[in-house]
Amino acid sequence: MQAQGIIHAENLVKVYNGKIRAVNGVTFDVRPGEIFGFLGPNGAGKTTTVSMLSAGLRPTEGRAVVNGLDVSVDPDAVKRHIGVIFQESTADQDLTGRENLEIAAGCYNIPAAEGRRRATALIDLMQLKDAADRLAKTYSGGMRRRLDLAMGLVGEPRVLFLDEPTTGLDPRSRGDVWEMIRDLVAAGTTVLLTTQDLDEADRLASRIAVIDRGRLIDSGTPAELKAKVGGQSLDVRPAEPGELATVGAIVAEVTGTGAGVPNEHDGVVSAPLAAGASGTETLAALSHRLGQAGIDVTELGLRLASLDEVFLTLTGGK
């Protein structure tokens, strides 16, 4: 029998008002020391599931175990072993970063001297030393997110729940937060990540679960999910955007899939490769047909299905 993960969800169900099944039989395990991505459309049941796992909601049915503790039996003990970082900042904007961290430490009943020590260590870890004694409301978006991470870590949790950790950040700040999350995991923290940013999930998560309408519909590594959904896809970018429709028709003809979907925003035609088709032969045939039609292209290649395509396929295009 396979050992339970550090996070174990077993047939979790949450029913509201006696009839609305927000979560309906969700089962998965998160291994120690991994980043586990939890994806789904708005209203799919992600937040409700995480609220049950983090002892914020009691399951209607099923079992949730975190770090060996049953959430329904001892929710207070579970809360002492986890960190939860919400999409919206919980920092008091009229306090300094240091004051926020020391107050957060007090919420874990950490003695004042130890709380100050942890606050200082986290300020250094999150690269907030120069801003530690400024009011949080003067922080940039990236600095506020790093402060939120620090507040979630002050209790030295073994498990960290992250909800949309980089929403609204610029690319540099987003990259900084990603690197910090990787460093936390390398140091032994386990992370359950909920996000609508599929690029973020693809870059960070070692495994992913997709939930829709309260049910877990698939899980695996990003590569496994991409292979299940679409195998290889073909991308063609004509030099002239006005030729997108013509290229789409040619791609559909050559691939035999009846699909050649123009994306006017990106200027690319994409199509799945038929099962068993040779990528090399398809590219050669397509290049020949485009040449016959007098169409120049700036991009012509094969790739695995993107996580965006996996998500849209599994959730019915929502």
C-alpha atoms as a PDB file:
ATOM      1  CA  MET A   1       0.000   0.000   0.000  1.00  0.00           C
ATOM      2  CA  GLN A   2       1.383   3.395  -0.991  1.00  0.00           C
ATOM      3  CA  ALA A   3       2.195   5.743   1.900  1.00  0.00           C
ATOM      4  CA  GLN A   4       0.088   8.865   2.338  1.00  0.00           C
ATOM      5  CA  GLY A   5       1.568  12.169   1.286  1.00  0.00           C
ATOM      6  CA  ILE A   6       2.307  15.039   3.642  1.00  0.00           C
ATOM      7  CA  ILE A   7      -1.037  16.390   2.337  1.00  0.00           C
ATOM      8  CA  HIS A   8      -3.672  13.684   1.897  1.00  0.00           C
ATOM      9  CA  ALA A   9      -7.156  14.387   0.540  1.00  0.00           C
ATOM     10  CA  GLU A  10      -9.443  11.347   0.524  1.00  0.00           C
ATOM     11  CA  ASN A  11     -12.915  11.580  -1.058  1.00  0.00           C
ATOM     12  CA  LEU A  12     -13.357  15.144   0.174  1.00  0.00           C
ATOM     13  CA  VAL A  13     -16.887  16.505  -0.125  1.00  0.00           C
ATOM     14  CA  LYS A  14     -18.244  19.903   0.833  1.00  0.00           C
ATOM     15  CA  VAL A  15     -21.978  20.541   0.625  1.00  0.00           C
ATOM     16  CA  TYR A  16     -23.550  23.951   1.174  1.00  0.00           C
ATOM     17  CA  ASN A  17     -27.199  24.507   2.087  1.00  0.00           C
ATOM     18  CA  GLY A  18     -27.799  20.776   2.029  1.00  0.00           C
ATOM     19  CA  LYS A  19     -27.626  20.519  -1.776  1.00  0.00           C
ATOM     20  CA  ILE A  20     -24.771  22.492  -3.397  1.00  0.00           C
ATOM     21  CA  ARG A  21     -21.776  20.157  -3.757  1.00  0.00           C
ATOM     22  CA  ALA A  22     -18.889  22.606  -4.114  1.00  0.00           C
ATOM     23  CA  VAL A  23     -16.389  19.726  -3.810  1.00  0.00           C
ATOM     24  CA  ASN A  24     -17.427  16.224  -4.781  1.00  0.00           C
ATOM     25  CA  GLY A  25     -15.141  13.317  -3.916  1.00  0.00           C
ATOM     26  CA  VAL A  26     -11.667  14.843  -4.395  1.00  0.00           C
ATOM     27  CA  THR A  27      -8.703  12.549  -3.697  1.00  0.00           C
ATOM     28  CA  PHE A  28      -4.990  13.308  -4.115  1.00  0.00           C
ATOM     29  CA  ASP A  29      -1.669  13.204  -2.274  1.00  0.00           C
ATOM     30  CA  VAL A  30       1.113  15.768  -2.142  1.00  0.00           C
ATOM     31  CA  ARG A  31       4.600  14.395  -1.545  1.00  0.00           C
ATOM     32  CA  PRO A  32       6.960  15.970   0.979  1.00  0.00           C
ATOM     33  CA  GLY A  33       9.197  18.634  -0.533  1.00  0.00           C
ATOM     34  CA  GLU A  34       7.328  19.208  -3.799  1.00  0.00           C
ATOM     35  CA  ILE A  35       5.360  22.021  -5.407  1.00  0.00           C
ATOM     36  CA  PHE A  36       1.921  20.654  -6.251  1.00  0.00           C
ATOM     37  CA  GLY A  37      -0.182  22.734  -8.641  1.00  0.00           C
ATOM     38  CA  PHE A  38      -3.949  22.798  -8.116  1.00  0.00           C
ATOM     39  CA  LEU A  39      -5.713  24.217 -11.166  1.00  0.00           C
ATOM     40  CA  GLY A  40      -9.291  24.805 -12.219  1.00  0.00           C
ATOM     41  CA  PRO A  41     -11.677  27.430 -13.602  1.00  0.00           C
ATOM     42  CA  ASN A  42     -13.334  29.971 -11.335  1.00  0.00           C
ATOM     43  CA  GLY A  43     -15.901  28.209  -9.171  1.00  0.00           C
ATOM     44  CA  ALA A  44     -14.362  24.765  -9.736  1.00  0.00           C
ATOM     45  CA  GLY A  45     -13.831  24.081  -6.030  1.00  0.00           C
ATOM     46  CA  LYS A  46     -10.137  24.971  -5.619  1.00  0.00           C
ATOM     47  CA  THR A  47     -10.550  27.452  -2.785  1.00  0.00           C
ATOM     48  CA  THR A  48     -13.055  25.251  -0.945  1.00  0.00           C
ATOM     49  CA  THR A  49     -10.701  22.267  -1.160  1.00  0.00           C
ATOM     50  CA  VAL A  50      -7.749  24.287   0.113  1.00  0.00           C
ATOM     51  CA  SER A  51      -9.904  25.729   2.913  1.00  0.00           C
ATOM     52  CA  MET A  52     -10.717  22.181   4.060  1.00  0.00           C
ATOM     53  CA  LEU A  53      -7.074  21.094   3.878  1.00  0.00           C
ATOM     54  CA  SER A  54      -5.911  24.155   5.815  1.00  0.00           C
ATOM     55  CA  ALA A  55      -8.539  23.669   8.558  1.00  0.00           C
ATOM     56  CA  GLY A  56     -10.587  26.691   7.555  1.00  0.00           C
ATOM     57  CA  LEU A  57     -13.631  24.574   6.644  1.00  0.00           C
ATOM     58  CA  ARG A  58     -14.788  21.232   7.998  1.00  0.00           C
ATOM     59  CA  PRO A  59     -15.397  18.593   5.280  1.00  0.00           C
ATOM     60  CA  THR A  60     -18.967  17.353   4.883  1.00  0.00           C
ATOM     61  CA  GLU A  61     -17.551  13.936   3.997  1.00  0.00           C
ATOM     62  CA  GLY A  62     -14.135  12.410   3.470  1.00  0.00           C
ATOM     63  CA  ARG A  63     -10.824  12.855   5.199  1.00  0.00           C
ATOM     64  CA  ALA A  64      -8.061  15.461   5.091  1.00  0.00           C
ATOM     65  CA  VAL A  65      -4.670  14.814   6.689  1.00  0.00           C
ATOM     66  CA  VAL A  66      -1.829  17.344   6.779  1.00  0.00           C
ATOM     67  CA  ASN A  67       1.571  16.495   8.240  1.00  0.00           C
ATOM     68  CA  GLY A  68       0.063  13.392   9.839  1.00  0.00           C
ATOM     69  CA  LEU A  69      -2.756  15.339  11.545  1.00  0.00           C
ATOM     70  CA  ASP A  70      -6.437  14.815  10.753  1.00  0.00           C
ATOM     71  CA  VAL A  71      -7.960  18.201   9.962  1.00  0.00           C
ATOM     72  CA  SER A  72     -11.369  17.272  11.389  1.00  0.00           C
ATOM     73  CA  VAL A  73      -9.941  15.801  14.610  1.00  0.00           C
ATOM     74  CA  ASP A  74      -7.412  18.497  15.533  1.00  0.00           C
ATOM     75  CA  PRO A  75      -7.741  21.620  13.341  1.00  0.00           C
ATOM     76  CA  ASP A  76      -5.786  23.819  15.772  1.00  0.00           C
ATOM     77  CA  ALA A  77      -2.755  21.519  15.616  1.00  0.00           C
ATOM     78  CA  VAL A  78      -2.954  21.532  11.815  1.00  0.00           C
ATOM     79  CA  LYS A  79      -2.922  25.336  11.773  1.00  0.00           C
ATOM     80  CA  ARG A  80       0.248  25.371  13.879  1.00  0.00           C
ATOM     81  CA  HIS A  81       2.060  23.286  11.228  1.00  0.00           C
ATOM     82  CA  ILE A  82       1.037  25.168   8.100  1.00  0.00           C
ATOM     83  CA  GLY A  83       1.321  28.566   6.455  1.00  0.00           C
ATOM     84  CA  VAL A  84      -1.457  30.027   4.309  1.00  0.00           C
ATOM     85  CA  ILE A  85      -0.825  32.935   1.953  1.00  0.00           C
ATOM     86  CA  PHE A  86      -3.946  34.360   0.371  1.00  0.00           C
ATOM     87  CA  GLN A  87      -4.288  36.197  -2.924  1.00  0.00           C
ATOM     88  CA  GLU A  88      -5.131  39.397  -1.066  1.00  0.00           C
ATOM     89  CA  SER A  89      -2.436  40.666   1.273  1.00  0.00           C
ATOM     90  CA  THR A  90      -3.153  40.225   4.981  1.00  0.00           C
ATOM     91  CA  ALA A  91      -0.417  42.630   6.092  1.00  0.00           C
ATOM     92  CA  ASP A  92      -1.495  45.710   8.051  1.00  0.00           C
ATOM     93  CA  GLN A  93      -0.581  48.539   5.694  1.00  0.00           C
ATOM     94  CA  ASP A  94      -0.177  51.029   8.561  1.00  0.00           C
ATOM     95  CA  LEU A  95       2.520  48.941  10.250  1.00  0.00           C
ATOM     96  CA  THR A  96       6.107  48.381   9.171  1.00  0.00           C
ATOM     97  CA  GLY A  97       7.191  45.137   7.605  1.00  0.00           C
ATOM     98  CA  ARG A  98       9.051  44.208  10.792  1.00  0.00           C
ATOM     99  CA  GLU A  99       6.006  44.976  12.977  1.00  0.00           C
ATOM    100  CA  ASN A 100       3.780  42.831  10.756  1.00  0.00           C
ATOM    101  CA  LEU A 101       6.169  39.898  11.111  1.00  0.00           C
ATOM    102  CA  GLU A 102       6.500  40.241  14.891  1.00  0.00           C
ATOM    103  CA  ILE A 103       2.704  40.364  15.268  1.00  0.00           C
ATOM    104  CA  ALA A 104       2.368  37.298  13.029  1.00  0.00           C
ATOM    105  CA  ALA A 105       4.862  35.497  15.260  1.00  0.00           C
ATOM    106  CA  GLY A 106       2.732  36.379  18.276  1.00  0.00           C
ATOM    107  CA  CYS A 107      -0.272  34.739  16.613  1.00  0.00           C
ATOM    108  CA  TYR A 108       1.718  31.471  16.739  1.00  0.00           C
ATOM    109  CA  ASN A 109       2.409  32.053  20.481  1.00  0.00           C
ATOM    110  CA  ILE A 110       6.104  32.449  19.691  1.00  0.00           C
ATOM    111  CA  PRO A 111       7.964  34.236  22.536  1.00  0.00           C
ATOM    112  CA  ALA A 112       8.760  37.878  21.753  1.00  0.00           C
ATOM    113  CA  ALA A 113      12.541  37.445  21.569  1.00  0.00           C
ATOM    114  CA  GLU A 114      12.226  34.466  19.227  1.00  0.00           C
ATOM    115  CA  GLY A 115       9.637  36.350  17.188  1.00  0.00           C
ATOM    116  CA  ARG A 116      12.073  39.224  16.680  1.00  0.00           C
ATOM    117  CA  ARG A 117      14.801  36.779  15.663  1.00  0.00           C
ATOM    118  CA  ARG A 118      12.550  35.084  13.102  1.00  0.00           C
ATOM    119  CA  ALA A 119      11.349  38.448  11.768  1.00  0.00           C
ATOM    120  CA  THR A 120      14.934  39.555  11.178  1.00  0.00           C
ATOM    121  CA  ALA A 121      15.849  36.261   9.506  1.00  0.00           C
ATOM    122  CA  LEU A 122      12.824  36.434   7.193  1.00  0.00           C
ATOM    123  CA  ILE A 123      13.505  40.073   6.330  1.00  0.00           C
ATOM    124  CA  ASP A 124      16.948  38.996   5.141  1.00  0.00           C
ATOM    125  CA  LEU A 125      15.576  35.939   3.315  1.00  0.00           C
ATOM    126  CA  MET A 126      12.964  37.974   1.454  1.00  0.00           C
ATOM    127  CA  GLN A 127      15.399  40.782   0.596  1.00  0.00           C
ATOM    128  CA  LEU A 128      13.432  43.379   2.564  1.00  0.00           C
ATOM    129  CA  LYS A 129      16.239  44.662   4.794  1.00  0.00           C
ATOM    130  CA  ASP A 130      16.218  48.187   3.363  1.00  0.00           C
ATOM    131  CA  ALA A 131      12.425  48.446   3.728  1.00  0.00           C
ATOM    132  CA  ALA A 132      11.907  46.548   6.992  1.00  0.00           C
ATOM    133  CA  ASP A 133      11.140  49.639   9.061  1.00  0.00           C
ATOM    134  CA  ARG A 134       8.988  51.412   6.491  1.00  0.00           C
ATOM    135  CA  LEU A 135       5.186  51.233   6.497  1.00  0.00           C
ATOM    136  CA  ALA A 136       3.880  48.375   4.372  1.00  0.00           C
ATOM    137  CA  LYS A 137       1.700  50.786   2.399  1.00  0.00           C
ATOM    138  CA  THR A 138       4.872  52.290   0.914  1.00  0.00           C
ATOM    139  CA  TYR A 139       5.956  48.907  -0.512  1.00  0.00           C
ATOM    140  CA  SER A 140       5.827  48.031  -4.203  1.00  0.00           C
ATOM    141  CA  GLY A 141       3.661  45.103  -5.314  1.00  0.00           C
ATOM    142  CA  GLY A 142       6.615  42.732  -5.376  1.00  0.00           C
ATOM    143  CA  MET A 143       7.767  43.831  -1.907  1.00  0.00           C
ATOM    144  CA  ARG A 144       4.271  43.332  -0.480  1.00  0.00           C
ATOM    145  CA  ARG A 145       4.146  39.835  -1.917  1.00  0.00           C
ATOM    146  CA  ARG A 146       7.519  39.023  -0.367  1.00  0.00           C
ATOM    147  CA  LEU A 147       6.228  40.346   2.967  1.00  0.00           C
ATOM    148  CA  ASP A 148       3.170  38.086   2.621  1.00  0.00           C
ATOM    149  CA  LEU A 149       5.485  35.119   2.021  1.00  0.00           C
ATOM    150  CA  ALA A 150       7.509  36.042   5.094  1.00  0.00           C
ATOM    151  CA  MET A 151       4.346  36.261   7.230  1.00  0.00           C
ATOM    152  CA  GLY A 152       3.292  32.816   6.033  1.00  0.00           C
ATOM    153  CA  LEU A 153       6.700  31.412   7.020  1.00  0.00           C
ATOM    154  CA  VAL A 154       7.070  32.951  10.457  1.00  0.00           C
ATOM    155  CA  GLY A 155       5.653  29.821  12.107  1.00  0.00           C
ATOM    156  CA  GLU A 156       8.247  27.699  10.273  1.00  0.00           C
ATOM    157  CA  PRO A 157       5.572  25.579   8.570  1.00  0.00           C
ATOM    158  CA  ARG A 158       6.323  22.270   6.905  1.00  0.00           C
ATOM    159  CA  VAL A 159       3.421  22.896   4.507  1.00  0.00           C
ATOM    160  CA  LEU A 160       2.654  26.148   2.707  1.00  0.00           C
ATOM    161  CA  PHE A 161      -0.615  26.872   0.883  1.00  0.00           C
ATOM    162  CA  LEU A 162      -0.156  29.569  -1.782  1.00  0.00           C
ATOM    163  CA  ASP A 163      -3.156  31.181  -3.463  1.00  0.00           C
ATOM    164  CA  GLU A 164      -2.298  33.071  -6.667  1.00  0.00           C
ATOM    165  CA  PRO A 165       1.111  34.159  -5.316  1.00  0.00           C
ATOM    166  CA  THR A 166       2.123  36.454  -8.202  1.00  0.00           C
ATOM    167  CA  THR A 167      -1.158  38.015  -9.334  1.00  0.00           C
ATOM    168  CA  GLY A 168      -0.577  41.571 -10.529  1.00  0.00           C
ATOM    169  CA  LEU A 169       3.222  41.471 -10.352  1.00  0.00           C
ATOM    170  CA  ASP A 170       5.514  42.672 -13.122  1.00  0.00           C
ATOM    171  CA  PRO A 171       7.696  40.006 -14.815  1.00  0.00           C
ATOM    172  CA  ARG A 172      10.792  40.789 -12.722  1.00  0.00           C
ATOM    173  CA  SER A 173       8.921  40.651  -9.402  1.00  0.00           C
ATOM    174  CA  ARG A 174       7.126  37.496 -10.505  1.00  0.00           C
ATOM    175  CA  GLY A 175      10.458  35.847 -11.290  1.00  0.00           C
ATOM    176  CA  ASP A 176      11.823  36.888  -7.892  1.00  0.00           C
ATOM    177  CA  VAL A 177       8.858  35.316  -6.080  1.00  0.00           C
ATOM    178  CA  TRP A 178       9.189  32.126  -8.145  1.00  0.00           C
ATOM    179  CA  GLU A 179      12.848  31.840  -7.177  1.00  0.00           C
ATOM    180  CA  MET A 180      12.007  32.307  -3.504  1.00  0.00           C
ATOM    181  CA  ILE A 181       9.348  29.595  -3.687  1.00  0.00           C
ATOM    182  CA  ARG A 182      11.890  27.221  -5.260  1.00  0.00           C
ATOM    183  CA  ASP A 183      14.372  28.051  -2.495  1.00  0.00           C
ATOM    184  CA  LEU A 184      11.761  27.284   0.181  1.00  0.00           C
ATOM    185  CA  VAL A 185      11.074  23.890  -1.351  1.00  0.00           C
ATOM    186  CA  ALA A 186      14.794  23.159  -1.634  1.00  0.00           C
ATOM    187  CA  ALA A 187      15.007  23.846   2.116  1.00  0.00           C
ATOM    188  CA  GLY A 188      12.290  21.263   2.842  1.00  0.00           C
ATOM    189  CA  THR A 189       8.948  23.110   2.654  1.00  0.00           C
ATOM    190  CA  THR A 190       6.068  21.481   0.780  1.00  0.00           C
ATOM    191  CA  VAL A 191       3.933  23.852  -1.324  1.00  0.00           C
ATOM    192  CA  LEU A 192       0.373  23.485  -2.599  1.00  0.00           C
ATOM    193  CA  LEU A 193      -0.062  26.164  -5.254  1.00  0.00           C
ATOM    194  CA  THR A 194      -3.393  27.346  -6.627  1.00  0.00           C
ATOM    195  CA  THR A 195      -3.056  29.591  -9.647  1.00  0.00           C
ATOM    196  CA  GLN A 196      -4.799  30.754 -12.806  1.00  0.00           C
ATOM    197  CA  ASP A 197      -1.379  31.496 -14.336  1.00  0.00           C
ATOM    198  CA  LEU A 198      -0.703  28.313 -16.308  1.00  0.00           C
ATOM    199  CA  ASP A 199       2.827  29.419 -17.159  1.00  0.00           C
ATOM    200  CA  GLU A 200       3.455  29.710 -13.425  1.00  0.00           C
ATOM    201  CA  ALA A 201       2.159  26.181 -12.816  1.00  0.00           C
ATOM    202  CA  ASP A 202       4.214  24.828 -15.708  1.00  0.00           C
ATOM    203  CA  ARG A 203       7.414  26.430 -14.425  1.00  0.00           C
ATOM    204  CA  LEU A 204       6.986  25.688 -10.714  1.00  0.00           C
ATOM    205  CA  ALA A 205       4.910  22.551 -10.164  1.00  0.00           C
ATOM    206  CA  SER A 206       6.386  19.054 -10.294  1.00  0.00           C
ATOM    207  CA  ARG A 207       2.851  17.623 -10.434  1.00  0.00           C
ATOM    208  CA  ILE A 208      -0.544  19.131 -11.198  1.00  0.00           C
ATOM    209  CA  ALA A 209      -4.163  18.249 -10.430  1.00  0.00           C
ATOM    210  CA  VAL A 210      -7.037  19.767 -12.427  1.00  0.00           C
ATOM    211  CA  ILE A 211     -10.421  20.232 -10.756  1.00  0.00           C
ATOM    212  CA  ASP A 212     -13.683  21.159 -12.480  1.00  0.00           C
ATOM    213  CA  ARG A 213     -17.234  21.329 -11.107  1.00  0.00           C
ATOM    214  CA  GLY A 214     -15.994  20.009  -7.799  1.00  0.00           C
ATOM    215  CA  ARG A 215     -14.398  16.860  -9.218  1.00  0.00           C
ATOM    216  CA  LEU A 216     -10.756  16.024  -9.822  1.00  0.00           C
ATOM    217  CA  ILE A 217     -10.609  15.290 -13.547  1.00  0.00           C
ATOM    218  CA  ASP A 218      -6.920  14.524 -14.098  1.00  0.00           C
ATOM    219  CA  SER A 219      -3.473  14.744 -12.507  1.00  0.00           C
ATOM    220  CA  GLY A 220       0.163  14.106 -13.349  1.00  0.00           C
ATOM    221  CA  THR A 221       3.368  15.897 -14.214  1.00  0.00           C
ATOM    222  CA  PRO A 222       3.040  18.773 -16.698  1.00  0.00           C
ATOM    223  CA  ALA A 223       4.683  16.601 -19.367  1.00  0.00           C
ATOM    224  CA  GLU A 224       2.315  13.677 -18.692  1.00  0.00           C
ATOM    225  CA  LEU A 225      -0.755  15.903 -18.969  1.00  0.00           C
ATOM    226  CA  LYS A 226       0.501  17.482 -22.191  1.00  0.00           C
ATOM    227  CA  ALA A 227       1.147  14.071 -23.723  1.00  0.00           C
ATOM    228  CA  LYS A 228      -2.307  12.780 -22.711  1.00  0.00           C
ATOM    229  CA  VAL A 229      -4.144  15.715 -24.184  1.00  0.00           C
ATOM    230  CA  GLY A 230      -2.496  16.443 -27.457  1.00  0.00           C
ATOM    231  CA  GLY A 231       0.839  14.891 -28.200  1.00  0.00           C
ATOM    232  CA  GLN A 232       2.562  17.255 -30.636  1.00  0.00           C
ATOM    233  CA  SER A 233       1.135  20.415 -32.129  1.00  0.00           C
ATOM    234  CA  LEU A 234       2.155  22.309 -35.242  1.00  0.00           C
ATOM    235  CA  ASP A 235       2.701  26.091 -35.257  1.00  0.00           C
ATOM    236  CA  VAL A 236       2.966  28.206 -38.419  1.00  0.00           C
ATOM    237  CA  ARG A 237       3.461  31.974 -38.438  1.00  0.00           C
ATOM    238  CA  PRO A 238       3.000  33.589 -41.887  1.00  0.00           C
ATOM    239  CA  ALA A 239       5.098  36.644 -42.664  1.00  0.00           C
ATOM    240  CA  GLU A 240       1.908  38.451 -43.715  1.00  0.00           C
ATOM    241  CA  PRO A 241      -0.855  38.383 -41.039  1.00  0.00           C
ATOM    242  CA  GLY A 242      -3.480  38.703 -43.784  1.00  0.00           C
ATOM    243  CA  GLU A 243      -2.623  35.164 -44.907  1.00  0.00           C
ATOM    244  CA  LEU A 244      -3.626  33.507 -41.620  1.00  0.00           C
ATOM    245  CA  ALA A 245      -6.885  32.090 -42.985  1.00  0.00           C
ATOM    246  CA  THR A 246      -5.182  30.683 -46.088  1.00  0.00           C
ATOM    247  CA  VAL A 247      -2.465  29.106 -43.957  1.00  0.00           C
ATOM    248  CA  GLY A 248      -5.131  27.626 -41.677  1.00  0.00           C
ATOM    249  CA  ALA A 249      -6.762  25.907 -44.655  1.00  0.00           C
ATOM    250  CA  ILE A 250      -3.416  24.543 -45.863  1.00  0.00           C
ATOM    251  CA  VAL A 251      -2.506  23.257 -42.392  1.00  0.00           C
ATOM    252  CA  ALA A 252      -5.865  21.506 -42.093  1.00  0.00           C
ATOM    253  CA  GLU A 253      -5.376  19.899 -45.500  1.00  0.00           C
ATOM    254  CA  VAL A 254      -1.818  18.690 -44.828  1.00  0.00           C
ATOM    255  CA  THR A 255      -2.398  17.402 -41.294  1.00  0.00           C
ATOM    256  CA  GLY A 256      -5.680  15.736 -42.207  1.00  0.00           C
ATOM    257  CA  THR A 257      -7.093  16.726 -38.819  1.00  0.00           C
ATOM    258  CA  GLY A 258      -9.608  19.208 -40.167  1.00  0.00           C
ATOM    259  CA  ALA A 259      -8.048  21.742 -37.807  1.00  0.00           C
ATOM    260  CA  GLY A 260      -5.894  24.738 -38.487  1.00  0.00           C
ATOM    261  CA  VAL A 261      -6.848  27.378 -35.979  1.00  0.00           C
ATOM    262  CA  PRO A 262      -5.663  30.940 -36.700  1.00  0.00           C
ATOM    263  CA  ASN A 263      -4.860  33.066 -33.664  1.00  0.00           C
ATOM    264  CA  GLU A 264      -5.125  36.635 -34.925  1.00  0.00           C
ATOM    265  CA  HIS A 265      -3.681  38.083 -31.726  1.00  0.00           C
ATOM    266  CA  ASP A 266      -0.444  36.055 -31.960  1.00  0.00           C
ATOM    267  CA  GLY A 267      -0.410  35.740 -35.755  1.00  0.00           C
ATOM    268  CA  VAL A 268       0.022  31.951 -35.559  1.00  0.00           C
ATOM    269  CA  VAL A 269      -1.907  28.982 -36.953  1.00  0.00           C
ATOM    270  CA  SER A 270      -1.864  25.935 -34.655  1.00  0.00           C
ATOM    271  CA  ALA A 271      -3.058  22.379 -35.192  1.00  0.00           C
ATOM    272  CA  PRO A 272      -2.607  19.033 -33.426  1.00  0.00           C
ATOM    273  CA  LEU A 273      -0.579  16.386 -35.225  1.00  0.00           C
ATOM    274  CA  ALA A 274      -2.637  13.300 -36.062  1.00  0.00           C
ATOM    275  CA  ALA A 275      -1.869  10.238 -33.920  1.00  0.00           C
ATOM    276  CA  GLY A 276       0.965   8.263 -35.497  1.00  0.00           C
ATOM    277  CA  ALA A 277       1.849  10.977 -38.002  1.00  0.00           C
ATOM    278  CA  SER A 278       5.527  11.684 -38.671  1.00  0.00           C
ATOM    279  CA  GLY A 279       6.488  15.184 -37.586  1.00  0.00           C
ATOM    280  CA  THR A 280       9.356  15.352 -40.084  1.00  0.00           C
ATOM    281  CA  GLU A 281       7.171  14.272 -43.012  1.00  0.00           C
ATOM    282  CA  THR A 282       4.371  16.634 -42.006  1.00  0.00           C
ATOM    283  CA  LEU A 283       6.750  19.597 -41.806  1.00  0.00           C
ATOM    284  CA  ALA A 284       8.219  18.740 -45.229  1.00  0.00           C
ATOM    285  CA  ALA A 285       4.781  18.398 -46.833  1.00  0.00           C
ATOM    286  CA  LEU A 286       3.569  21.621 -45.264  1.00  0.00           C
ATOM    287  CA  SER A 287       6.676  23.525 -46.363  1.00  0.00           C
ATOM    288  CA  HIS A 288       6.106  22.276 -49.917  1.00  0.00           C
ATOM    289  CA  ARG A 289       2.423  23.340 -49.973  1.00  0.00           C
ATOM    290  CA  LEU A 290       3.211  26.757 -48.520  1.00  0.00           C
ATOM    291  CA  GLY A 291       5.887  27.214 -51.203  1.00  0.00           C
ATOM    292  CA  GLN A 292       3.401  26.281 -53.921  1.00  0.00           C
ATOM    293  CA  ALA A 293       1.000  28.888 -52.552  1.00  0.00           C
ATOM    294  CA  GLY A 294       3.760  31.520 -52.465  1.00  0.00           C
ATOM    295  CA  ILE A 295       3.424  32.037 -48.711  1.00  0.00           C
ATOM    296  CA  ASP A 296       6.489  33.020 -46.691  1.00  0.00           C
ATOM    297  CA  VAL A 297       6.599  32.056 -43.015  1.00  0.00           C
ATOM    298  CA  THR A 298       8.700  33.302 -40.094  1.00  0.00           C
ATOM    299  CA  GLU A 299       7.968  30.271 -37.901  1.00  0.00           C
ATOM    300  CA  LEU A 300       7.304  26.621 -38.707  1.00  0.00           C
ATOM    301  CA  GLY A 301       7.758  23.963 -36.040  1.00  0.00           C
ATOM    302  CA  LEU A 302       6.432  21.261 -33.716  1.00  0.00           C
ATOM    303  CA  ARG A 303       5.928  21.450 -29.968  1.00  0.00           C
ATOM    304  CA  LEU A 304       4.203  19.596 -27.164  1.00  0.00           C
ATOM    305  CA  ALA A 305       0.733  20.799 -26.267  1.00  0.00           C
ATOM    306  CA  SER A 306       0.897  23.780 -23.910  1.00  0.00           C
ATOM    307  CA  LEU A 307      -0.535  23.646 -20.414  1.00  0.00           C
ATOM    308  CA  ASP A 308      -3.104  26.203 -21.596  1.00  0.00           C
ATOM    309  CA  GLU A 309      -4.324  23.667 -24.179  1.00  0.00           C
ATOM    310  CA  VAL A 310      -4.380  20.929 -21.540  1.00  0.00           C
ATOM    311  CA  PHE A 311      -6.453  23.141 -19.245  1.00  0.00           C
ATOM    312  CA  LEU A 312      -8.925  24.121 -21.975  1.00  0.00           C
ATOM    313  CA  THR A 313      -9.323  20.533 -23.136  1.00  0.00           C
ATOM    314  CA  LEU A 314      -9.842  19.080 -19.653  1.00  0.00           C
ATOM    315  CA  THR A 315     -12.250  21.783 -18.524  1.00  0.00           C
ATOM    316  CA  GLY A 316     -14.266  22.006 -21.716  1.00  0.00           C
ATOM    317  CA  GLY A 317     -12.740  25.237 -22.974  1.00  0.00           C
ATOM    318  CA  LYS A 318     -13.748  27.428 -20.029  1.00  0.00           C
END
